[in-house]
C-alpha atoms as a PDB file:
ATOM      1  CA  UNK A   1     150.624 148.190 107.946  1.00  0.00           C
ATOM      2  CA  UNK A   2     150.745 150.536 110.767  1.00  0.00           C
ATOM      3  CA  UNK A   3     147.911 153.260 110.329  1.00  0.00           C
ATOM      4  CA  UNK A   4     147.274 155.728 112.896  1.00  0.00           C
ATOM      5  CA  UNK A   5     143.556 156.097 113.144  1.00  0.00           C
ATOM      6  CA  UNK A   6     143.650 159.478 114.603  1.00  0.00           C
ATOM      7  CA  UNK A   7     145.204 161.309 111.669  1.00  0.00           C
ATOM      8  CA  UNK A   8     145.650 165.262 111.824  1.00  0.00           C
ATOM      9  CA  UNK A   9     144.235 167.304 109.101  1.00  0.00           C
ATOM     10  CA  UNK A  10     144.284 170.662 108.127  1.00  0.00           C
ATOM     11  CA  UNK A  11     141.323 171.732 110.343  1.00  0.00           C
ATOM     12  CA  UNK A  12     143.058 170.604 113.210  1.00  0.00           C
ATOM     13  CA  UNK A  13     146.500 171.534 112.496  1.00  0.00           C
ATOM     14  CA  UNK A  14     147.971 174.043 115.275  1.00  0.00           C
ATOM     15  CA  UNK A  15     149.726 176.870 113.416  1.00  0.00           C
ATOM     16  CA  UNK A  16     151.764 180.073 115.186  1.00  0.00           C
ATOM     17  CA  UNK A  17     148.656 181.610 115.528  1.00  0.00           C
ATOM     18  CA  UNK A  18     147.554 179.331 118.534  1.00  0.00           C
ATOM     19  CA  UNK A  19     150.803 180.264 120.460  1.00  0.00           C
ATOM     20  CA  UNK A  20     150.171 182.519 123.434  1.00  0.00           C
ATOM     21  CA  UNK A  21     151.830 186.377 123.012  1.00  0.00           C
ATOM     22  CA  UNK A  22     154.331 186.781 125.678  1.00  0.00           C
ATOM     23  CA  UNK A  23     154.896 190.449 127.107  1.00  0.00           C
ATOM     24  CA  UNK A  24     158.603 189.992 126.180  1.00  0.00           C
ATOM     25  CA  UNK A  25     157.753 189.426 122.175  1.00  0.00           C
ATOM     26  CA  UNK A  26     158.786 192.654 120.233  1.00  0.00           C
ATOM     27  CA  UNK A  27     156.301 195.078 118.512  1.00  0.00           C
ATOM     28  CA  UNK A  28     156.988 193.515 115.074  1.00  0.00           C
ATOM     29  CA  UNK A  29     156.052 189.901 116.096  1.00  0.00           C
ATOM     30  CA  UNK A  30     152.765 191.089 117.667  1.00  0.00           C
ATOM     31  CA  UNK A  31     151.643 192.690 114.592  1.00  0.00           C
ATOM     32  CA  UNK A  32     152.754 189.683 112.596  1.00  0.00           C
ATOM     33  CA  UNK A  33     150.454 187.422 114.983  1.00  0.00           C
ATOM     34  CA  UNK A  34     147.396 189.800 114.705  1.00  0.00           C
ATOM     35  CA  UNK A  35     147.962 189.559 110.862  1.00  0.00           C
ATOM     36  CA  UNK A  36     147.943 185.918 110.790  1.00  0.00           C
ATOM     37  CA  UNK A  37     144.677 185.841 113.129  1.00  0.00           C
ATOM     38  CA  UNK A  38     143.088 188.346 110.808  1.00  0.00           C
ATOM     39  CA  UNK A  39     143.704 186.102 107.725  1.00  0.00           C
ATOM     40  CA  UNK A  40     142.510 183.146 109.672  1.00  0.00           C
ATOM     41  CA  UNK A  41     139.316 185.052 110.620  1.00  0.00           C
ATOM     42  CA  UNK A  42     138.779 186.451 106.660  1.00  0.00           C
ATOM     43  CA  UNK A  43     139.259 182.474 105.735  1.00  0.00           C
ATOM     44  CA  UNK A  44     137.008 181.019 107.978  1.00  0.00           C
ATOM     45  CA  UNK A  45     134.357 183.611 107.347  1.00  0.00           C
ATOM     46  CA  UNK A  46     134.483 182.702 103.609  1.00  0.00           C
ATOM     47  CA  UNK A  47     134.541 179.052 104.144  1.00  0.00           C
ATOM     48  CA  UNK A  48     131.040 179.752 106.363  1.00  0.00           C
ATOM     49  CA  UNK A  49     129.567 182.062 103.530  1.00  0.00           C
ATOM     50  CA  UNK A  50     130.455 179.054 101.264  1.00  0.00           C
ATOM     51  CA  UNK A  51     128.740 176.517 103.413  1.00  0.00           C
ATOM     52  CA  UNK A  52     125.759 178.684 103.974  1.00  0.00           C
ATOM     53  CA  UNK A  53     125.455 178.820 100.392  1.00  0.00           C
ATOM     54  CA  UNK A  54     125.426 174.999  99.784  1.00  0.00           C
ATOM     55  CA  UNK A  55     123.042 174.705 102.765  1.00  0.00           C
ATOM     56  CA  UNK A  56     120.679 176.914 101.008  1.00  0.00           C
ATOM     57  CA  UNK A  57     120.801 174.999  97.632  1.00  0.00           C
ATOM     58  CA  UNK A  58     120.209 171.714  99.626  1.00  0.00           C
ATOM     59  CA  UNK A  59     117.184 173.234 101.403  1.00  0.00           C
ATOM     60  CA  UNK A  60     115.829 174.636  98.013  1.00  0.00           C
ATOM     61  CA  UNK A  61     116.163 170.974  96.400  1.00  0.00           C
ATOM     62  CA  UNK A  62     114.469 169.465  99.174  1.00  0.00           C
ATOM     63  CA  UNK A  63     111.338 171.614  98.971  1.00  0.00           C
ATOM     64  CA  UNK A  64     111.253 171.075  95.286  1.00  0.00           C
ATOM     65  CA  UNK A  65     111.364 167.169  96.158  1.00  0.00           C
ATOM     66  CA  UNK A  66     108.467 167.506  98.772  1.00  0.00           C
ATOM     67  CA  UNK A  67     106.348 169.755  96.205  1.00  0.00           C
ATOM     68  CA  UNK A  68     107.149 167.118  93.467  1.00  0.00           C
ATOM     69  CA  UNK A  69     106.095 164.320  95.809  1.00  0.00           C
ATOM     70  CA  UNK A  70     102.856 166.085  96.391  1.00  0.00           C
ATOM     71  CA  UNK A  71     102.088 166.560  92.879  1.00  0.00           C
ATOM     72  CA  UNK A  72     102.603 163.105  92.057  1.00  0.00           C
ATOM     73  CA  UNK A  73     100.421 161.580  95.082  1.00  0.00           C
ATOM     74  CA  UNK A  74      97.510 163.951  93.837  1.00  0.00           C
ATOM     75  CA  UNK A  75      97.884 162.363  90.303  1.00  0.00           C
ATOM     76  CA  UNK A  76      97.744 159.179  91.575  1.00  0.00           C
ATOM     77  CA  UNK A  77      94.681 159.731  93.869  1.00  0.00           C
ATOM     78  CA  UNK A  78      92.918 161.565  91.183  1.00  0.00           C
ATOM     79  CA  UNK A  79      93.338 158.380  88.809  1.00  0.00           C
ATOM     80  CA  UNK A  80      92.541 155.959  91.524  1.00  0.00           C
ATOM     81  CA  UNK A  81      89.300 157.990  91.856  1.00  0.00           C
ATOM     82  CA  UNK A  82      88.462 158.022  88.211  1.00  0.00           C
ATOM     83  CA  UNK A  83      88.918 154.057  88.177  1.00  0.00           C
ATOM     84  CA  UNK A  84      86.684 153.810  91.074  1.00  0.00           C
ATOM     85  CA  UNK A  85      83.838 155.813  90.272  1.00  0.00           C
ATOM     86  CA  UNK A  86      83.195 155.550  86.704  1.00  0.00           C
ATOM     87  CA  UNK A  87      83.414 152.781  84.177  1.00  0.00           C
ATOM     88  CA  UNK A  88      85.507 153.387  81.322  1.00  0.00           C
ATOM     89  CA  UNK A  89      83.989 152.693  78.133  1.00  0.00           C
ATOM     90  CA  UNK A  90      86.380 150.748  75.888  1.00  0.00           C
ATOM     91  CA  UNK A  91      85.926 151.993  72.281  1.00  0.00           C
ATOM     92  CA  UNK A  92      84.854 149.219  69.761  1.00  0.00           C
ATOM     93  CA  UNK A  93      85.435 148.730  66.593  1.00  0.00           C
ATOM     94  CA  UNK A  94      82.036 150.585  65.317  1.00  0.00           C
ATOM     95  CA  UNK A  95      83.388 153.710  66.926  1.00  0.00           C
ATOM     96  CA  UNK A  96      86.201 153.986  64.716  1.00  0.00           C
ATOM     97  CA  UNK A  97      86.079 155.528  61.465  1.00  0.00           C
ATOM     98  CA  UNK A  98      85.803 153.299  58.470  1.00  0.00           C
ATOM     99  CA  UNK A  99      88.915 153.257  56.355  1.00  0.00           C
ATOM    100  CA  UNK A 100      88.168 153.441  52.274  1.00  0.00           C
ATOM    101  CA  UNK A 101      91.016 153.050  49.664  1.00  0.00           C
END
């Protein structure tokens, strides 16, 4: 198998918009070039907005995870303080209600 490591993807694929405009080109060719550039610009703006939205969702989740971690650490610290400071009384059978049938 002879695979190439430098595969070309859609992101680096050259299109007709990458060619330079020549002064000898006809007016409709130049307008076509302008149109394709505008379409590419609109597509890139849409991609950028989608990426920014995904980044906002990821940032929001990271903040939620950090706050959950802090809450759990507070619970762990509170339990350790209770265990260290007070002797917990274990209920005996005398403390329970007697069952009568």
